[in-house]
Amino acid sequence: MNIQIIGTKKCKETQKAERFFKERNIQYHFRDLTIKGLSKGELDNIKREIPVDNLLNKEGKQFKKRNMEYMIFNTEDELLNDPLLLKTPIARNGNLSTVGYEPEIWKEWIAESKSY
């Protein structure tokens, strides 16, 4: 299993995701979006699992701060240029991705990895 958690240190949902994997002694790589955003290739991989509109955090501070609710924009371009617009956490396991706190799906990933 190759787990990557993408989020911010202040995000409560991201903290819960980190705790979930720590409690199960599963190593993961953490990517802090305040330091480094997603590359186009990473976003493309995530989009295979999750529609790009589901990745945009319309309830988040950054969306409101930029007054985006009344703007017309290309969602993918905005996510690449401003990673703080992403809904977090994004958890990745190889080509599989989830957005938000999804412990049931993560448990399936763990069960599948143990069956090999």
PDB file of N, CA and C in Angstrom:
ATOM      1  N   MET A   1       0.833  -1.179   0.000  1.00  0.00           N
ATOM      2  CA  MET A   1       0.000   0.000   0.000  1.00  0.00           C
ATOM      3  C   MET A   1       0.874   1.238   0.000  1.00  0.00           C
ATOM      4  N   ASN A   2       0.506   2.178  -0.844  1.00  0.00           N
ATOM      5  CA  ASN A   2       1.254   3.420  -0.955  1.00  0.00           C
ATOM      6  C   ASN A   2       0.271   4.571  -0.738  1.00  0.00           C
ATOM      7  N   ILE A   3       0.083   4.958   0.522  1.00  0.00           N
ATOM      8  CA  ILE A   3      -0.931   5.948   0.874  1.00  0.00           C
ATOM      9  C   ILE A   3      -0.327   7.356   0.846  1.00  0.00           C
ATOM     10  N   GLN A   4      -1.081   8.250   0.236  1.00  0.00           N
ATOM     11  CA  GLN A   4      -0.716   9.664   0.235  1.00  0.00           C
ATOM     12  C   GLN A   4      -1.941  10.434   0.731  1.00  0.00           C
ATOM     13  N   ILE A   5      -1.728  11.319   1.692  1.00  0.00           N
ATOM     14  CA  ILE A   5      -2.803  12.179   2.187  1.00  0.00           C
ATOM     15  C   ILE A   5      -2.455  13.597   1.779  1.00  0.00           C
ATOM     16  N   ILE A   6      -3.387  14.225   1.086  1.00  0.00           N
ATOM     17  CA  ILE A   6      -3.178  15.581   0.599  1.00  0.00           C
ATOM     18  C   ILE A   6      -4.158  16.490   1.334  1.00  0.00           C
ATOM     19  N   GLY A   7      -3.634  17.517   1.988  1.00  0.00           N
ATOM     20  CA  GLY A   7      -4.499  18.420   2.739  1.00  0.00           C
ATOM     21  C   GLY A   7      -3.685  19.536   3.360  1.00  0.00           C
ATOM     22  N   THR A   8      -4.221  20.104   4.437  1.00  0.00           N
ATOM     23  CA  THR A   8      -3.492  21.124   5.186  1.00  0.00           C
ATOM     24  C   THR A   8      -3.447  20.711   6.656  1.00  0.00           C
ATOM     25  N   LYS A   9      -2.439  21.179   7.348  1.00  0.00           N
ATOM     26  CA  LYS A   9      -2.253  20.810   8.761  1.00  0.00           C
ATOM     27  C   LYS A   9      -3.417  21.306   9.636  1.00  0.00           C
ATOM     28  N   LYS A  10      -4.067  22.403   9.240  1.00  0.00           N
ATOM     29  CA  LYS A  10      -5.138  22.974  10.057  1.00  0.00           C
ATOM     30  C   LYS A  10      -6.487  22.303   9.810  1.00  0.00           C
ATOM     31  N   CYS A  11      -6.623  21.561   8.738  1.00  0.00           N
ATOM     32  CA  CYS A  11      -7.910  20.957   8.368  1.00  0.00           C
ATOM     33  C   CYS A  11      -8.252  19.800   9.313  1.00  0.00           C
ATOM     34  N   LYS A  12      -9.407  19.900   9.969  1.00  0.00           N
ATOM     35  CA  LYS A  12      -9.827  18.866  10.932  1.00  0.00           C
ATOM     36  C   LYS A  12     -10.045  17.517  10.245  1.00  0.00           C
ATOM     37  N   GLU A  13     -10.634  17.531   9.051  1.00  0.00           N
ATOM     38  CA  GLU A  13     -10.879  16.271   8.332  1.00  0.00           C
ATOM     39  C   GLU A  13      -9.560  15.608   7.935  1.00  0.00           C
ATOM     40  N   THR A  14      -8.578  16.413   7.550  1.00  0.00           N
ATOM     41  CA  THR A  14      -7.257  15.873   7.208  1.00  0.00           C
ATOM     42  C   THR A  14      -6.608  15.263   8.446  1.00  0.00           C
ATOM     43  N   GLN A  15      -6.745  15.925   9.590  1.00  0.00           N
ATOM     44  CA  GLN A  15      -6.192  15.394  10.836  1.00  0.00           C
ATOM     45  C   GLN A  15      -6.835  14.053  11.179  1.00  0.00           C
ATOM     46  N   LYS A  16      -8.143  13.937  10.948  1.00  0.00           N
ATOM     47  CA  LYS A  16      -8.836  12.670  11.211  1.00  0.00           C
ATOM     48  C   LYS A  16      -8.319  11.574  10.279  1.00  0.00           C
ATOM     49  N   ALA A  17      -8.059  11.927   9.019  1.00  0.00           N
ATOM     50  CA  ALA A  17      -7.530  10.940   8.070  1.00  0.00           C
ATOM     51  C   ALA A  17      -6.150  10.465   8.511  1.00  0.00           C
ATOM     52  N   GLU A  18      -5.309  11.397   8.924  1.00  0.00           N
ATOM     53  CA  GLU A  18      -3.976  11.014   9.405  1.00  0.00           C
ATOM     54  C   GLU A  18      -4.091  10.095  10.617  1.00  0.00           C
ATOM     55  N   ARG A  19      -4.979  10.428  11.533  1.00  0.00           N
ATOM     56  CA  ARG A  19      -5.176   9.609  12.734  1.00  0.00           C
ATOM     57  C   ARG A  19      -5.636   8.201  12.348  1.00  0.00           C
ATOM     58  N   PHE A  20      -6.543   8.107  11.376  1.00  0.00           N
ATOM     59  CA  PHE A  20      -7.054   6.814  10.925  1.00  0.00           C
ATOM     60  C   PHE A  20      -5.897   5.891  10.520  1.00  0.00           C
ATOM     61  N   PHE A  21      -4.980   6.400   9.706  1.00  0.00           N
ATOM     62  CA  PHE A  21      -3.876   5.557   9.231  1.00  0.00           C
ATOM     63  C   PHE A  21      -2.828   5.328  10.321  1.00  0.00           C
ATOM     64  N   LYS A  22      -2.579   6.323  11.167  1.00  0.00           N
ATOM     65  CA  LYS A  22      -1.628   6.159  12.280  1.00  0.00           C
ATOM     66  C   LYS A  22      -2.089   5.064  13.233  1.00  0.00           C
ATOM     67  N   GLU A  23      -3.396   5.076  13.563  1.00  0.00           N
ATOM     68  CA  GLU A  23      -3.926   4.095  14.507  1.00  0.00           C
ATOM     69  C   GLU A  23      -3.793   2.665  13.987  1.00  0.00           C
ATOM     70  N   ARG A  24      -3.701   2.510  12.696  1.00  0.00           N
ATOM     71  CA  ARG A  24      -3.577   1.183  12.073  1.00  0.00           C
ATOM     72  C   ARG A  24      -2.137   0.880  11.657  1.00  0.00           C
ATOM     73  N   ASN A  25      -1.213   1.710  12.129  1.00  0.00           N
ATOM     74  CA  ASN A  25       0.219   1.547  11.820  1.00  0.00           C
ATOM     75  C   ASN A  25       0.482   1.453  10.315  1.00  0.00           C
ATOM     76  N   ILE A  26      -0.214   2.283   9.561  1.00  0.00           N
ATOM     77  CA  ILE A  26      -0.014   2.303   8.114  1.00  0.00           C
ATOM     78  C   ILE A  26       0.732   3.586   7.766  1.00  0.00           C
ATOM     79  N   GLN A  27       1.879   3.403   7.143  1.00  0.00           N
ATOM     80  CA  GLN A  27       2.675   4.568   6.779  1.00  0.00           C
ATOM     81  C   GLN A  27       2.003   5.289   5.621  1.00  0.00           C
ATOM     82  N   TYR A  28       2.156   6.593   5.630  1.00  0.00           N
ATOM     83  CA  TYR A  28       1.595   7.409   4.564  1.00  0.00           C
ATOM     84  C   TYR A  28       2.513   8.604   4.331  1.00  0.00           C
ATOM     85  N   HIS A  29       2.354   9.203   3.180  1.00  0.00           N
ATOM     86  CA  HIS A  29       3.079  10.423   2.845  1.00  0.00           C
ATOM     87  C   HIS A  29       2.086  11.574   2.917  1.00  0.00           C
ATOM     88  N   PHE A  30       2.432  12.634   3.629  1.00  0.00           N
ATOM     89  CA  PHE A  30       1.546  13.784   3.755  1.00  0.00           C
ATOM     90  C   PHE A  30       2.008  14.909   2.844  1.00  0.00           C
ATOM     91  N   ARG A  31       1.088  15.469   2.080  1.00  0.00           N
ATOM     92  CA  ARG A  31       1.393  16.621   1.219  1.00  0.00           C
ATOM     93  C   ARG A  31       0.596  17.808   1.734  1.00  0.00           C
ATOM     94  N   ASP A  32       1.299  18.838   2.168  1.00  0.00           N
ATOM     95  CA  ASP A  32       0.656  20.043   2.684  1.00  0.00           C
ATOM     96  C   ASP A  32       0.399  21.005   1.530  1.00  0.00           C
ATOM     97  N   LEU A  33      -0.873  21.269   1.261  1.00  0.00           N
ATOM     98  CA  LEU A  33      -1.243  22.124   0.130  1.00  0.00           C
ATOM     99  C   LEU A  33      -0.828  23.580   0.325  1.00  0.00           C
ATOM    100  N   THR A  34      -0.510  23.979   1.564  1.00  0.00           N
ATOM    101  CA  THR A  34      -0.038  25.348   1.763  1.00  0.00           C
ATOM    102  C   THR A  34       1.403  25.486   1.268  1.00  0.00           C
ATOM    103  N   ILE A  35       2.082  24.343   1.092  1.00  0.00           N
ATOM    104  CA  ILE A  35       3.472  24.353   0.634  1.00  0.00           C
ATOM    105  C   ILE A  35       3.571  23.988  -0.849  1.00  0.00           C
ATOM    106  N   LYS A  36       2.861  22.929  -1.252  1.00  0.00           N
ATOM    107  CA  LYS A  36       2.964  22.470  -2.634  1.00  0.00           C
ATOM    108  C   LYS A  36       1.611  21.939  -3.102  1.00  0.00           C
ATOM    109  N   GLY A  37       1.145  22.458  -4.224  1.00  0.00           N
ATOM    110  CA  GLY A  37      -0.127  22.025  -4.788  1.00  0.00           C
ATOM    111  C   GLY A  37       0.031  20.764  -5.624  1.00  0.00           C
ATOM    112  N   LEU A  38      -1.015  20.434  -6.354  1.00  0.00           N
ATOM    113  CA  LEU A  38      -1.004  19.265  -7.221  1.00  0.00           C
ATOM    114  C   LEU A  38      -0.416  19.612  -8.584  1.00  0.00           C
ATOM    115  N   SER A  39       0.248  18.639  -9.184  1.00  0.00           N
ATOM    116  CA  SER A  39       0.687  18.809 -10.570  1.00  0.00           C
ATOM    117  C   SER A  39      -0.484  18.441 -11.481  1.00  0.00           C
ATOM    118  N   LYS A  40      -0.378  18.800 -12.747  1.00  0.00           N
ATOM    119  CA  LYS A  40      -1.429  18.473 -13.721  1.00  0.00           C
ATOM    120  C   LYS A  40      -1.620  16.961 -13.784  1.00  0.00           C
ATOM    121  N   GLY A  41      -0.534  16.198 -13.788  1.00  0.00           N
ATOM    122  CA  GLY A  41      -0.608  14.733 -13.844  1.00  0.00           C
ATOM    123  C   GLY A  41      -1.311  14.142 -12.632  1.00  0.00           C
ATOM    124  N   GLU A  42      -1.012  14.680 -11.447  1.00  0.00           N
ATOM    125  CA  GLU A  42      -1.665  14.195 -10.230  1.00  0.00           C
ATOM    126  C   GLU A  42      -3.164  14.485 -10.276  1.00  0.00           C
ATOM    127  N   LEU A  43      -3.516  15.693 -10.695  1.00  0.00           N
ATOM    128  CA  LEU A  43      -4.924  16.050 -10.786  1.00  0.00           C
ATOM    129  C   LEU A  43      -5.631  15.153 -11.803  1.00  0.00           C
ATOM    130  N   ASP A  44      -4.974  14.863 -12.920  1.00  0.00           N
ATOM    131  CA  ASP A  44      -5.566  13.972 -13.933  1.00  0.00           C
ATOM    132  C   ASP A  44      -5.824  12.588 -13.359  1.00  0.00           C
ATOM    133  N   ASN A  45      -4.873  12.060 -12.568  1.00  0.00           N
ATOM    134  CA  ASN A  45      -5.055  10.740 -11.939  1.00  0.00           C
ATOM    135  C   ASN A  45      -6.226  10.748 -10.969  1.00  0.00           C
ATOM    136  N   ILE A  46      -6.333  11.795 -10.175  1.00  0.00           N
ATOM    137  CA  ILE A  46      -7.415  11.895  -9.200  1.00  0.00           C
ATOM    138  C   ILE A  46      -8.754  12.021  -9.926  1.00  0.00           C
ATOM    139  N   LYS A  47      -8.765  12.766 -11.037  1.00  0.00           N
ATOM    140  CA  LYS A  47     -10.004  12.981 -11.797  1.00  0.00           C
ATOM    141  C   LYS A  47     -10.554  11.685 -12.386  1.00  0.00           C
ATOM    142  N   ARG A  48      -9.729  10.675 -12.538  1.00  0.00           N
ATOM    143  CA  ARG A  48     -10.221   9.382 -13.040  1.00  0.00           C
ATOM    144  C   ARG A  48     -11.198   8.756 -12.050  1.00  0.00           C
ATOM    145  N   GLU A  49     -11.018   9.054 -10.779  1.00  0.00           N
ATOM    146  CA  GLU A  49     -11.858   8.499  -9.715  1.00  0.00           C
ATOM    147  C   GLU A  49     -12.941   9.475  -9.251  1.00  0.00           C
ATOM    148  N   ILE A  50     -12.606  10.765  -9.269  1.00  0.00           N
ATOM    149  CA  ILE A  50     -13.489  11.782  -8.682  1.00  0.00           C
ATOM    150  C   ILE A  50     -13.713  12.904  -9.692  1.00  0.00           C
ATOM    151  N   PRO A  51     -14.963  13.227  -9.995  1.00  0.00           N
ATOM    152  CA  PRO A  51     -15.218  14.343 -10.923  1.00  0.00           C
ATOM    153  C   PRO A  51     -14.590  15.640 -10.396  1.00  0.00           C
ATOM    154  N   VAL A  52     -14.027  16.419 -11.297  1.00  0.00           N
ATOM    155  CA  VAL A  52     -13.291  17.628 -10.898  1.00  0.00           C
ATOM    156  C   VAL A  52     -14.165  18.597 -10.102  1.00  0.00           C
ATOM    157  N   ASP A  53     -15.454  18.664 -10.396  1.00  0.00           N
ATOM    158  CA  ASP A  53     -16.335  19.562  -9.643  1.00  0.00           C
ATOM    159  C   ASP A  53     -16.483  19.125  -8.182  1.00  0.00           C
ATOM    160  N   ASN A  54     -16.314  17.835  -7.917  1.00  0.00           N
ATOM    161  CA  ASN A  54     -16.393  17.332  -6.534  1.00  0.00           C
ATOM    162  C   ASN A  54     -15.128  17.669  -5.735  1.00  0.00           C
ATOM    163  N   LEU A  55     -14.070  18.058  -6.427  1.00  0.00           N
ATOM    164  CA  LEU A  55     -12.818  18.401  -5.749  1.00  0.00           C
ATOM    165  C   LEU A  55     -12.792  19.855  -5.282  1.00  0.00           C
ATOM    166  N   LEU A  56     -13.662  20.678  -5.838  1.00  0.00           N
ATOM    167  CA  LEU A  56     -13.694  22.095  -5.500  1.00  0.00           C
ATOM    168  C   LEU A  56     -14.480  22.307  -4.209  1.00  0.00           C
ATOM    169  N   ASN A  57     -13.831  22.924  -3.228  1.00  0.00           N
ATOM    170  CA  ASN A  57     -14.471  23.166  -1.942  1.00  0.00           C
ATOM    171  C   ASN A  57     -15.242  24.486  -1.976  1.00  0.00           C
ATOM    172  N   LYS A  58     -16.514  24.391  -2.321  1.00  0.00           N
ATOM    173  CA  LYS A  58     -17.340  25.599  -2.445  1.00  0.00           C
ATOM    174  C   LYS A  58     -17.744  26.164  -1.091  1.00  0.00           C
ATOM    175  N   GLU A  59     -17.498  25.414  -0.028  1.00  0.00           N
ATOM    176  CA  GLU A  59     -17.806  25.888   1.327  1.00  0.00           C
ATOM    177  C   GLU A  59     -16.581  26.478   2.009  1.00  0.00           C
ATOM    178  N   GLY A  60     -15.422  26.353   1.384  1.00  0.00           N
ATOM    179  CA  GLY A  60     -14.167  26.742   2.032  1.00  0.00           C
ATOM    180  C   GLY A  60     -13.901  28.238   2.056  1.00  0.00           C
ATOM    181  N   LYS A  61     -12.969  28.611   2.939  1.00  0.00           N
ATOM    182  CA  LYS A  61     -12.594  30.017   3.111  1.00  0.00           C
ATOM    183  C   LYS A  61     -12.059  30.620   1.819  1.00  0.00           C
ATOM    184  N   GLN A  62     -11.215  29.855   1.125  1.00  0.00           N
ATOM    185  CA  GLN A  62     -10.561  30.387  -0.069  1.00  0.00           C
ATOM    186  C   GLN A  62     -11.575  30.706  -1.163  1.00  0.00           C
ATOM    187  N   PHE A  63     -12.562  29.851  -1.341  1.00  0.00           N
ATOM    188  CA  PHE A  63     -13.613  30.052  -2.347  1.00  0.00           C
ATOM    189  C   PHE A  63     -14.376  31.343  -2.040  1.00  0.00           C
ATOM    190  N   LYS A  64     -14.708  31.527  -0.756  1.00  0.00           N
ATOM    191  CA  LYS A  64     -15.461  32.715  -0.338  1.00  0.00           C
ATOM    192  C   LYS A  64     -14.595  33.971  -0.407  1.00  0.00           C
ATOM    193  N   LYS A  65     -13.335  33.832   0.007  1.00  0.00           N
ATOM    194  CA  LYS A  65     -12.410  34.965   0.007  1.00  0.00           C
ATOM    195  C   LYS A  65     -12.242  35.538  -1.405  1.00  0.00           C
ATOM    196  N   ARG A  66     -12.241  34.660  -2.389  1.00  0.00           N
ATOM    197  CA  ARG A  66     -12.061  35.085  -3.781  1.00  0.00           C
ATOM    198  C   ARG A  66     -13.393  35.398  -4.473  1.00  0.00           C
ATOM    199  N   ASN A  67     -14.501  35.337  -3.734  1.00  0.00           N
ATOM    200  CA  ASN A  67     -15.834  35.620  -4.292  1.00  0.00           C
ATOM    201  C   ASN A  67     -16.119  34.822  -5.563  1.00  0.00           C
ATOM    202  N   MET A  68     -15.813  33.547  -5.542  1.00  0.00           N
ATOM    203  CA  MET A  68     -15.920  32.722  -6.748  1.00  0.00           C
ATOM    204  C   MET A  68     -17.347  32.266  -7.059  1.00  0.00           C
ATOM    205  N   GLU A  69     -18.259  32.402  -6.097  1.00  0.00           N
ATOM    206  CA  GLU A  69     -19.609  31.900  -6.345  1.00  0.00           C
ATOM    207  C   GLU A  69     -20.292  32.615  -7.504  1.00  0.00           C
ATOM    208  N   TYR A  70     -19.854  33.828  -7.834  1.00  0.00           N
ATOM    209  CA  TYR A  70     -20.475  34.576  -8.928  1.00  0.00           C
ATOM    210  C   TYR A  70     -19.594  34.646 -10.167  1.00  0.00           C
ATOM    211  N   MET A  71     -18.504  33.900 -10.147  1.00  0.00           N
ATOM    212  CA  MET A  71     -17.569  33.946 -11.275  1.00  0.00           C
ATOM    213  C   MET A  71     -17.749  32.747 -12.192  1.00  0.00           C
ATOM    214  N   ILE A  72     -17.378  32.939 -13.439  1.00  0.00           N
ATOM    215  CA  ILE A  72     -17.291  31.825 -14.386  1.00  0.00           C
ATOM    216  C   ILE A  72     -15.800  31.502 -14.490  1.00  0.00           C
ATOM    217  N   PHE A  73     -15.462  30.229 -14.290  1.00  0.00           N
ATOM    218  CA  PHE A  73     -14.049  29.859 -14.294  1.00  0.00           C
ATOM    219  C   PHE A  73     -13.895  28.397 -14.707  1.00  0.00           C
ATOM    220  N   ASN A  74     -12.680  28.068 -15.092  1.00  0.00           N
ATOM    221  CA  ASN A  74     -12.333  26.685 -15.407  1.00  0.00           C
ATOM    222  C   ASN A  74     -11.876  26.042 -14.090  1.00  0.00           C
ATOM    223  N   THR A  75     -12.665  25.104 -13.593  1.00  0.00           N
ATOM    224  CA  THR A  75     -12.402  24.504 -12.284  1.00  0.00           C
ATOM    225  C   THR A  75     -11.005  23.893 -12.211  1.00  0.00           C
ATOM    226  N   GLU A  76     -10.634  23.151 -13.247  1.00  0.00           N
ATOM    227  CA  GLU A  76      -9.325  22.489 -13.235  1.00  0.00           C
ATOM    228  C   GLU A  76      -8.187  23.509 -13.150  1.00  0.00           C
ATOM    229  N   ASP A  77      -8.261  24.573 -13.944  1.00  0.00           N
ATOM    230  CA  ASP A  77      -7.216  25.608 -13.903  1.00  0.00           C
ATOM    231  C   ASP A  77      -7.127  26.249 -12.523  1.00  0.00           C
ATOM    232  N   GLU A  78      -8.282  26.527 -11.937  1.00  0.00           N
ATOM    233  CA  GLU A  78      -8.289  27.165 -10.615  1.00  0.00           C
ATOM    234  C   GLU A  78      -7.686  26.244  -9.554  1.00  0.00           C
ATOM    235  N   LEU A  79      -7.982  24.940  -9.626  1.00  0.00           N
ATOM    236  CA  LEU A  79      -7.430  23.995  -8.648  1.00  0.00           C
ATOM    237  C   LEU A  79      -5.913  23.878  -8.782  1.00  0.00           C
ATOM    238  N   LEU A  80      -5.424  23.943 -10.010  1.00  0.00           N
ATOM    239  CA  LEU A  80      -3.972  23.862 -10.229  1.00  0.00           C
ATOM    240  C   LEU A  80      -3.278  25.141  -9.764  1.00  0.00           C
ATOM    241  N   ASN A  81      -3.923  26.288  -9.968  1.00  0.00           N
ATOM    242  CA  ASN A  81      -3.320  27.571  -9.613  1.00  0.00           C
ATOM    243  C   ASN A  81      -3.488  27.931  -8.146  1.00  0.00           C
ATOM    244  N   ASP A  82      -4.531  27.413  -7.513  1.00  0.00           N
ATOM    245  CA  ASP A  82      -4.804  27.735  -6.115  1.00  0.00           C
ATOM    246  C   ASP A  82      -5.215  26.459  -5.372  1.00  0.00           C
ATOM    247  N   PRO A  83      -4.231  25.674  -4.896  1.00  0.00           N
ATOM    248  CA  PRO A  83      -4.539  24.377  -4.279  1.00  0.00           C
ATOM    249  C   PRO A  83      -5.404  24.472  -3.027  1.00  0.00           C
ATOM    250  N   LEU A  84      -5.512  25.654  -2.418  1.00  0.00           N
ATOM    251  CA  LEU A  84      -6.341  25.789  -1.218  1.00  0.00           C
ATOM    252  C   LEU A  84      -7.835  25.743  -1.550  1.00  0.00           C
ATOM    253  N   LEU A  85      -8.165  25.692  -2.822  1.00  0.00           N
ATOM    254  CA  LEU A  85      -9.565  25.530  -3.240  1.00  0.00           C
ATOM    255  C   LEU A  85     -10.000  24.065  -3.202  1.00  0.00           C
ATOM    256  N   LEU A  86      -9.038  23.153  -3.043  1.00  0.00           N
ATOM    257  CA  LEU A  86      -9.360  21.723  -3.030  1.00  0.00           C
ATOM    258  C   LEU A  86     -10.101  21.328  -1.762  1.00  0.00           C
ATOM    259  N   LYS A  87     -11.043  20.413  -1.931  1.00  0.00           N
ATOM    260  CA  LYS A  87     -11.710  19.788  -0.793  1.00  0.00           C
ATOM    261  C   LYS A  87     -10.699  18.812  -0.192  1.00  0.00           C
ATOM    262  N   THR A  88     -10.572  18.787   1.110  1.00  0.00           N
ATOM    263  CA  THR A  88      -9.576  17.912   1.729  1.00  0.00           C
ATOM    264  C   THR A  88     -10.218  17.052   2.813  1.00  0.00           C
ATOM    265  N   PRO A  89      -9.598  15.950   3.162  1.00  0.00           N
ATOM    266  CA  PRO A  89      -8.364  15.429   2.593  1.00  0.00           C
ATOM    267  C   PRO A  89      -8.625  14.667   1.294  1.00  0.00           C
ATOM    268  N   ILE A  90      -7.606  14.629   0.471  1.00  0.00           N
ATOM    269  CA  ILE A  90      -7.615  13.721  -0.669  1.00  0.00           C
ATOM    270  C   ILE A  90      -6.679  12.590  -0.270  1.00  0.00           C
ATOM    271  N   ALA A  91      -7.194  11.381  -0.252  1.00  0.00           N
ATOM    272  CA  ALA A  91      -6.365  10.215   0.076  1.00  0.00           C
ATOM    273  C   ALA A  91      -6.157   9.430  -1.202  1.00  0.00           C
ATOM    274  N   ARG A  92      -4.910   9.023  -1.422  1.00  0.00           N
ATOM    275  CA  ARG A  92      -4.597   8.260  -2.629  1.00  0.00           C
ATOM    276  C   ARG A  92      -3.909   6.955  -2.237  1.00  0.00           C
ATOM    277  N   ASN A  93      -4.266   5.920  -2.955  1.00  0.00           N
ATOM    278  CA  ASN A  93      -3.636   4.610  -2.798  1.00  0.00           C
ATOM    279  C   ASN A  93      -3.386   4.104  -4.212  1.00  0.00           C
ATOM    280  N   GLY A  94      -2.193   4.381  -4.736  1.00  0.00           N
ATOM    281  CA  GLY A  94      -1.924   4.047  -6.131  1.00  0.00           C
ATOM    282  C   GLY A  94      -2.834   4.865  -7.036  1.00  0.00           C
ATOM    283  N   ASN A  95      -3.654   4.186  -7.853  1.00  0.00           N
ATOM    284  CA  ASN A  95      -4.574   4.875  -8.758  1.00  0.00           C
ATOM    285  C   ASN A  95      -5.926   5.162  -8.119  1.00  0.00           C
ATOM    286  N   LEU A  96      -6.136   4.696  -6.894  1.00  0.00           N
ATOM    287  CA  LEU A  96      -7.409   4.926  -6.206  1.00  0.00           C
ATOM    288  C   LEU A  96      -7.356   6.234  -5.431  1.00  0.00           C
ATOM    289  N   SER A  97      -8.464   6.957  -5.410  1.00  0.00           N
ATOM    290  CA  SER A  97      -8.510   8.238  -4.695  1.00  0.00           C
ATOM    291  C   SER A  97      -9.846   8.414  -4.000  1.00  0.00           C
ATOM    292  N   THR A  98      -9.814   9.124  -2.878  1.00  0.00           N
ATOM    293  CA  THR A  98     -11.040   9.542  -2.198  1.00  0.00           C
ATOM    294  C   THR A  98     -10.887  11.011  -1.837  1.00  0.00           C
ATOM    295  N   VAL A  99     -12.018  11.682  -1.675  1.00  0.00           N
ATOM    296  CA  VAL A  99     -11.989  13.061  -1.190  1.00  0.00           C
ATOM    297  C   VAL A  99     -12.898  13.125   0.025  1.00  0.00           C
ATOM    298  N   GLY A 100     -12.417  13.808   1.083  1.00  0.00           N
ATOM    299  CA  GLY A 100     -13.153  13.842   2.335  1.00  0.00           C
ATOM    300  C   GLY A 100     -12.751  12.682   3.230  1.00  0.00           C
ATOM    301  N   TYR A 101     -13.374  12.612   4.384  1.00  0.00           N
ATOM    302  CA  TYR A 101     -13.077  11.550   5.354  1.00  0.00           C
ATOM    303  C   TYR A 101     -13.887  10.312   4.966  1.00  0.00           C
ATOM    304  N   GLU A 102     -13.204   9.264   4.487  1.00  0.00           N
ATOM    305  CA  GLU A 102     -13.865   8.061   3.953  1.00  0.00           C
ATOM    306  C   GLU A 102     -13.309   6.773   4.577  1.00  0.00           C
ATOM    307  N   PRO A 103     -13.480   6.579   5.892  1.00  0.00           N
ATOM    308  CA  PRO A 103     -12.868   5.420   6.554  1.00  0.00           C
ATOM    309  C   PRO A 103     -13.337   4.075   6.011  1.00  0.00           C
ATOM    310  N   GLU A 104     -14.574   3.973   5.552  1.00  0.00           N
ATOM    311  CA  GLU A 104     -15.068   2.683   5.042  1.00  0.00           C
ATOM    312  C   GLU A 104     -14.295   2.258   3.788  1.00  0.00           C
ATOM    313  N   ILE A 105     -14.046   3.216   2.905  1.00  0.00           N
ATOM    314  CA  ILE A 105     -13.279   2.910   1.690  1.00  0.00           C
ATOM    315  C   ILE A 105     -11.844   2.578   2.064  1.00  0.00           C
ATOM    316  N   TRP A 106     -11.258   3.318   3.000  1.00  0.00           N
ATOM    317  CA  TRP A 106      -9.874   3.064   3.405  1.00  0.00           C
ATOM    318  C   TRP A 106      -9.738   1.679   4.036  1.00  0.00           C
ATOM    319  N   LYS A 107     -10.756   1.257   4.783  1.00  0.00           N
ATOM    320  CA  LYS A 107     -10.728  -0.093   5.369  1.00  0.00           C
ATOM    321  C   LYS A 107     -10.694  -1.146   4.261  1.00  0.00           C
ATOM    322  N   GLU A 108     -11.423  -0.902   3.166  1.00  0.00           N
ATOM    323  CA  GLU A 108     -11.390  -1.828   2.020  1.00  0.00           C
ATOM    324  C   GLU A 108      -9.989  -1.877   1.428  1.00  0.00           C
ATOM    325  N   TRP A 109      -9.315  -0.729   1.300  1.00  0.00           N
ATOM    326  CA  TRP A 109      -7.955  -0.689   0.777  1.00  0.00           C
ATOM    327  C   TRP A 109      -7.039  -1.554   1.645  1.00  0.00           C
ATOM    328  N   ILE A 110      -7.195  -1.426   2.973  1.00  0.00           N
ATOM    329  CA  ILE A 110      -6.352  -2.171   3.904  1.00  0.00           C
ATOM    330  C   ILE A 110      -6.617  -3.675   3.773  1.00  0.00           C
ATOM    331  N   ALA A 111      -7.904  -4.045   3.719  1.00  0.00           N
ATOM    332  CA  ALA A 111      -8.268  -5.453   3.594  1.00  0.00           C
ATOM    333  C   ALA A 111      -7.723  -6.051   2.289  1.00  0.00           C
ATOM    334  N   GLU A 112      -7.820  -5.299   1.210  1.00  0.00           N
ATOM    335  CA  GLU A 112      -7.309  -5.769  -0.085  1.00  0.00           C
ATOM    336  C   GLU A 112      -5.794  -5.932  -0.049  1.00  0.00           C
ATOM    337  N   SER A 113      -5.113  -5.019   0.624  1.00  0.00           N
ATOM    338  CA  SER A 113      -3.634  -5.091   0.654  1.00  0.00           C
ATOM    339  C   SER A 113      -3.183  -6.296   1.471  1.00  0.00           C
ATOM    340  N   LYS A 114      -3.971  -6.702   2.475  1.00  0.00           N
ATOM    341  CA  LYS A 114      -3.600  -7.842   3.310  1.00  0.00           C
ATOM    342  C   LYS A 114      -3.900  -9.170   2.639  1.00  0.00           C
ATOM    343  N   SER A 115      -4.754  -9.147   1.610  1.00  0.00           N
ATOM    344  CA  SER A 115      -5.101 -10.395   0.944  1.00  0.00           C
ATOM    345  C   SER A 115      -4.058 -10.808  -0.102  1.00  0.00           C
ATOM    346  N   TYR A 116      -3.048  -9.949  -0.324  1.00  0.00           N
ATOM    347  CA  TYR A 116      -1.996 -10.288  -1.298  1.00  0.00           C
ATOM    348  C   TYR A 116      -0.891 -11.087  -0.664  1.00  0.00           C
TER     349      TYR A 116
END
